[in-house]
Amino acid sequence: MDRNDTSYLSDRSFVEAVRSIQASHPAAAAAHHAMCRAYTEQVLARLAAGRAGR
């Protein structure tokens, strides 16, 4: 993945966070929260890998 992909993942994380907050059912909120975390973990891993490669 390149920088644009990392930006995409970050944007997806934000969208999932908003959906989690706006969810009207606890199960839906939990699902969106899990997706937000998954996207965030990918972003952080890519950023850390980029730092390690320098």
PDB file of N, CA and C in Angstrom:
ATOM      1  N   MET A   1       0.834  -1.183   0.000  1.00  0.00           N
ATOM      2  CA  MET A   1       0.000   0.000   0.000  1.00  0.00           C
ATOM      3  C   MET A   1       0.877   1.243   0.000  1.00  0.00           C
ATOM      4  N   ASP A   2       0.384   2.255  -0.607  1.00  0.00           N
ATOM      5  CA  ASP A   2       1.137   3.505  -0.603  1.00  0.00           C
ATOM      6  C   ASP A   2       0.419   4.530   0.284  1.00  0.00           C
ATOM      7  N   ARG A   3       0.927   5.726   0.262  1.00  0.00           N
ATOM      8  CA  ARG A   3       0.394   6.773   1.136  1.00  0.00           C
ATOM      9  C   ARG A   3      -1.087   7.032   0.879  1.00  0.00           C
ATOM     10  N   ASN A   4      -1.507   6.996  -0.379  1.00  0.00           N
ATOM     11  CA  ASN A   4      -2.911   7.220  -0.686  1.00  0.00           C
ATOM     12  C   ASN A   4      -3.787   6.147  -0.058  1.00  0.00           C
ATOM     13  N   ASP A   5      -3.301   4.912  -0.036  1.00  0.00           N
ATOM     14  CA  ASP A   5      -4.056   3.835   0.595  1.00  0.00           C
ATOM     15  C   ASP A   5      -4.169   4.067   2.098  1.00  0.00           C
ATOM     16  N   THR A   6      -3.119   4.570   2.695  1.00  0.00           N
ATOM     17  CA  THR A   6      -3.155   4.862   4.126  1.00  0.00           C
ATOM     18  C   THR A   6      -4.163   5.971   4.412  1.00  0.00           C
ATOM     19  N   SER A   7      -4.224   6.951   3.551  1.00  0.00           N
ATOM     20  CA  SER A   7      -5.219   8.020   3.703  1.00  0.00           C
ATOM     21  C   SER A   7      -6.628   7.456   3.582  1.00  0.00           C
ATOM     22  N   TYR A   8      -6.809   6.544   2.634  1.00  0.00           N
ATOM     23  CA  TYR A   8      -8.114   5.903   2.467  1.00  0.00           C
ATOM     24  C   TYR A   8      -8.510   5.158   3.744  1.00  0.00           C
ATOM     25  N   LEU A   9      -7.574   4.375   4.289  1.00  0.00           N
ATOM     26  CA  LEU A   9      -7.864   3.617   5.510  1.00  0.00           C
ATOM     27  C   LEU A   9      -8.189   4.550   6.669  1.00  0.00           C
ATOM     28  N   SER A  10      -7.476   5.665   6.745  1.00  0.00           N
ATOM     29  CA  SER A  10      -7.752   6.644   7.798  1.00  0.00           C
ATOM     30  C   SER A  10      -9.146   7.239   7.628  1.00  0.00           C
ATOM     31  N   ASP A  11      -9.511   7.564   6.406  1.00  0.00           N
ATOM     32  CA  ASP A  11     -10.854   8.093   6.139  1.00  0.00           C
ATOM     33  C   ASP A  11     -11.927   7.070   6.498  1.00  0.00           C
ATOM     34  N   ARG A  12     -11.693   5.806   6.161  1.00  0.00           N
ATOM     35  CA  ARG A  12     -12.651   4.739   6.485  1.00  0.00           C
ATOM     36  C   ARG A  12     -12.791   4.605   8.004  1.00  0.00           C
ATOM     37  N   SER A  13     -11.687   4.723   8.716  1.00  0.00           N
ATOM     38  CA  SER A  13     -11.734   4.651  10.171  1.00  0.00           C
ATOM     39  C   SER A  13     -12.620   5.759  10.728  1.00  0.00           C
ATOM     40  N   PHE A  14     -12.466   6.947  10.199  1.00  0.00           N
ATOM     41  CA  PHE A  14     -13.278   8.083  10.645  1.00  0.00           C
ATOM     42  C   PHE A  14     -14.756   7.828  10.383  1.00  0.00           C
ATOM     43  N   VAL A  15     -15.074   7.345   9.194  1.00  0.00           N
ATOM     44  CA  VAL A  15     -16.471   7.067   8.835  1.00  0.00           C
ATOM     45  C   VAL A  15     -17.067   6.017   9.784  1.00  0.00           C
ATOM     46  N   GLU A  16     -16.308   4.980  10.067  1.00  0.00           N
ATOM     47  CA  GLU A  16     -16.806   3.943  10.967  1.00  0.00           C
ATOM     48  C   GLU A  16     -16.986   4.481  12.386  1.00  0.00           C
ATOM     49  N   ALA A  17     -16.121   5.381  12.817  1.00  0.00           N
ATOM     50  CA  ALA A  17     -16.273   5.992  14.142  1.00  0.00           C
ATOM     51  C   ALA A  17     -17.574   6.785  14.211  1.00  0.00           C
ATOM     52  N   VAL A  18     -17.844   7.553  13.183  1.00  0.00           N
ATOM     53  CA  VAL A  18     -19.092   8.338  13.147  1.00  0.00           C
ATOM     54  C   VAL A  18     -20.294   7.408  13.150  1.00  0.00           C
ATOM     55  N   ARG A  19     -20.235   6.360  12.340  1.00  0.00           N
ATOM     56  CA  ARG A  19     -21.354   5.407  12.296  1.00  0.00           C
ATOM     57  C   ARG A  19     -21.556   4.731  13.647  1.00  0.00           C
ATOM     58  N   SER A  20     -20.463   4.458  14.341  1.00  0.00           N
ATOM     59  CA  SER A  20     -20.576   3.855  15.661  1.00  0.00           C
ATOM     60  C   SER A  20     -21.295   4.787  16.631  1.00  0.00           C
ATOM     61  N   ILE A  21     -20.942   6.045  16.591  1.00  0.00           N
ATOM     62  CA  ILE A  21     -21.564   7.033  17.467  1.00  0.00           C
ATOM     63  C   ILE A  21     -23.039   7.218  17.132  1.00  0.00           C
ATOM     64  N   GLN A  22     -23.358   7.191  15.843  1.00  0.00           N
ATOM     65  CA  GLN A  22     -24.726   7.448  15.410  1.00  0.00           C
ATOM     66  C   GLN A  22     -25.625   6.215  15.435  1.00  0.00           C
ATOM     67  N   ALA A  23     -25.072   5.048  15.642  1.00  0.00           N
ATOM     68  CA  ALA A  23     -25.862   3.816  15.597  1.00  0.00           C
ATOM     69  C   ALA A  23     -26.974   3.839  16.641  1.00  0.00           C
ATOM     70  N   SER A  24     -28.123   3.317  16.248  1.00  0.00           N
ATOM     71  CA  SER A  24     -29.262   3.311  17.154  1.00  0.00           C
ATOM     72  C   SER A  24     -29.380   1.996  17.923  1.00  0.00           C
ATOM     73  N   HIS A  25     -28.563   1.022  17.576  1.00  0.00           N
ATOM     74  CA  HIS A  25     -28.607  -0.272  18.258  1.00  0.00           C
ATOM     75  C   HIS A  25     -27.204  -0.613  18.756  1.00  0.00           C
ATOM     76  N   PRO A  26     -27.100  -1.122  19.971  1.00  0.00           N
ATOM     77  CA  PRO A  26     -25.778  -1.436  20.524  1.00  0.00           C
ATOM     78  C   PRO A  26     -24.961  -2.418  19.678  1.00  0.00           C
ATOM     79  N   ALA A  27     -25.616  -3.370  19.051  1.00  0.00           N
ATOM     80  CA  ALA A  27     -24.885  -4.340  18.216  1.00  0.00           C
ATOM     81  C   ALA A  27     -24.297  -3.649  16.987  1.00  0.00           C
ATOM     82  N   ALA A  28     -25.047  -2.743  16.403  1.00  0.00           N
ATOM     83  CA  ALA A  28     -24.545  -1.996  15.247  1.00  0.00           C
ATOM     84  C   ALA A  28     -23.384  -1.102  15.672  1.00  0.00           C
ATOM     85  N   ALA A  29     -23.519  -0.457  16.825  1.00  0.00           N
ATOM     86  CA  ALA A  29     -22.446   0.398  17.327  1.00  0.00           C
ATOM     87  C   ALA A  29     -21.180  -0.419  17.555  1.00  0.00           C
ATOM     88  N   ALA A  30     -21.339  -1.610  18.108  1.00  0.00           N
ATOM     89  CA  ALA A  30     -20.178  -2.476  18.362  1.00  0.00           C
ATOM     90  C   ALA A  30     -19.515  -2.909  17.063  1.00  0.00           C
ATOM     91  N   ALA A  31     -20.311  -3.218  16.059  1.00  0.00           N
ATOM     92  CA  ALA A  31     -19.757  -3.636  14.766  1.00  0.00           C
ATOM     93  C   ALA A  31     -18.973  -2.490  14.124  1.00  0.00           C
ATOM     94  N   HIS A  32     -19.530  -1.296  14.143  1.00  0.00           N
ATOM     95  CA  HIS A  32     -18.830  -0.144  13.561  1.00  0.00           C
ATOM     96  C   HIS A  32     -17.581   0.201  14.368  1.00  0.00           C
ATOM     97  N   HIS A  33     -17.657   0.053  15.671  1.00  0.00           N
ATOM     98  CA  HIS A  33     -16.490   0.293  16.527  1.00  0.00           C
ATOM     99  C   HIS A  33     -15.366  -0.687  16.172  1.00  0.00           C
ATOM    100  N   ALA A  34     -15.724  -1.939  15.970  1.00  0.00           N
ATOM    101  CA  ALA A  34     -14.729  -2.950  15.603  1.00  0.00           C
ATOM    102  C   ALA A  34     -14.083  -2.625  14.257  1.00  0.00           C
ATOM    103  N   MET A  35     -14.884  -2.179  13.310  1.00  0.00           N
ATOM    104  CA  MET A  35     -14.334  -1.805  12.001  1.00  0.00           C
ATOM    105  C   MET A  35     -13.424  -0.587  12.122  1.00  0.00           C
ATOM    106  N   CYS A  36     -13.823   0.371  12.941  1.00  0.00           N
ATOM    107  CA  CYS A  36     -12.993   1.554  13.178  1.00  0.00           C
ATOM    108  C   CYS A  36     -11.634   1.139  13.738  1.00  0.00           C
ATOM    109  N   ARG A  37     -11.646   0.252  14.721  1.00  0.00           N
ATOM    110  CA  ARG A  37     -10.387  -0.214  15.314  1.00  0.00           C
ATOM    111  C   ARG A  37      -9.530  -0.950  14.299  1.00  0.00           C
ATOM    112  N   ALA A  38     -10.170  -1.769  13.473  1.00  0.00           N
ATOM    113  CA  ALA A  38      -9.419  -2.536  12.474  1.00  0.00           C
ATOM    114  C   ALA A  38      -8.732  -1.593  11.476  1.00  0.00           C
ATOM    115  N   TYR A  39      -9.462  -0.597  10.999  1.00  0.00           N
ATOM    116  CA  TYR A  39      -8.861   0.375  10.080  1.00  0.00           C
ATOM    117  C   TYR A  39      -7.752   1.162  10.763  1.00  0.00           C
ATOM    118  N   THR A  40      -7.993   1.576  12.004  1.00  0.00           N
ATOM    119  CA  THR A  40      -6.992   2.343  12.741  1.00  0.00           C
ATOM    120  C   THR A  40      -5.719   1.527  12.957  1.00  0.00           C
ATOM    121  N   GLU A  41      -5.875   0.254  13.297  1.00  0.00           N
ATOM    122  CA  GLU A  41      -4.712  -0.613  13.479  1.00  0.00           C
ATOM    123  C   GLU A  41      -3.902  -0.730  12.193  1.00  0.00           C
ATOM    124  N   GLN A  42      -4.586  -0.820  11.055  1.00  0.00           N
ATOM    125  CA  GLN A  42      -3.873  -0.895   9.778  1.00  0.00           C
ATOM    126  C   GLN A  42      -3.111   0.391   9.494  1.00  0.00           C
ATOM    127  N   VAL A  43      -3.738   1.516   9.773  1.00  0.00           N
ATOM    128  CA  VAL A  43      -3.073   2.805   9.566  1.00  0.00           C
ATOM    129  C   VAL A  43      -1.832   2.912  10.442  1.00  0.00           C
ATOM    130  N   LEU A  44      -1.984   2.588  11.711  1.00  0.00           N
ATOM    131  CA  LEU A  44      -0.844   2.676  12.632  1.00  0.00           C
ATOM    132  C   LEU A  44       0.279   1.723  12.224  1.00  0.00           C
ATOM    133  N   ALA A  45      -0.066   0.532  11.799  1.00  0.00           N
ATOM    134  CA  ALA A  45       0.955  -0.427  11.367  1.00  0.00           C
ATOM    135  C   ALA A  45       1.714   0.099  10.153  1.00  0.00           C
ATOM    136  N   ARG A  46       0.997   0.695   9.219  1.00  0.00           N
ATOM    137  CA  ARG A  46       1.662   1.225   8.021  1.00  0.00           C
ATOM    138  C   ARG A  46       2.536   2.427   8.360  1.00  0.00           C
ATOM    139  N   LEU A  47       2.064   3.258   9.257  1.00  0.00           N
ATOM    140  CA  LEU A  47       2.874   4.405   9.669  1.00  0.00           C
ATOM    141  C   LEU A  47       4.120   3.940  10.401  1.00  0.00           C
ATOM    142  N   ALA A  48       3.976   2.959  11.269  1.00  0.00           N
ATOM    143  CA  ALA A  48       5.138   2.426  12.001  1.00  0.00           C
ATOM    144  C   ALA A  48       6.113   1.761  11.042  1.00  0.00           C
ATOM    145  N   ALA A  49       5.602   1.028  10.065  1.00  0.00           N
ATOM    146  CA  ALA A  49       6.463   0.377   9.082  1.00  0.00           C
ATOM    147  C   ALA A  49       7.223   1.413   8.253  1.00  0.00           C
ATOM    148  N   GLY A  50       6.555   2.500   7.946  1.00  0.00           N
ATOM    149  CA  GLY A  50       7.203   3.576   7.189  1.00  0.00           C
ATOM    150  C   GLY A  50       8.324   4.214   7.974  1.00  0.00           C
ATOM    151  N   ARG A  51       8.136   4.380   9.250  1.00  0.00           N
ATOM    152  CA  ARG A  51       9.168   4.943  10.118  1.00  0.00           C
ATOM    153  C   ARG A  51      10.344   3.982  10.244  1.00  0.00           C
ATOM    154  N   ALA A  52      10.029   2.706  10.360  1.00  0.00           N
ATOM    155  CA  ALA A  52      11.086   1.692  10.531  1.00  0.00           C
ATOM    156  C   ALA A  52      11.929   1.572   9.268  1.00  0.00           C
ATOM    157  N   GLY A  53      11.328   1.856   8.117  1.00  0.00           N
ATOM    158  CA  GLY A  53      12.031   1.737   6.863  1.00  0.00           C
ATOM    159  C   GLY A  53      12.963   2.914   6.568  1.00  0.00           C
ATOM    160  N   ARG A  54      12.927   3.923   7.383  1.00  0.00           N
ATOM    161  CA  ARG A  54      13.748   5.123   7.132  1.00  0.00           C
ATOM    162  C   ARG A  54      15.091   5.025   7.754  1.00  0.00           C
TER     163      ARG A  54
END
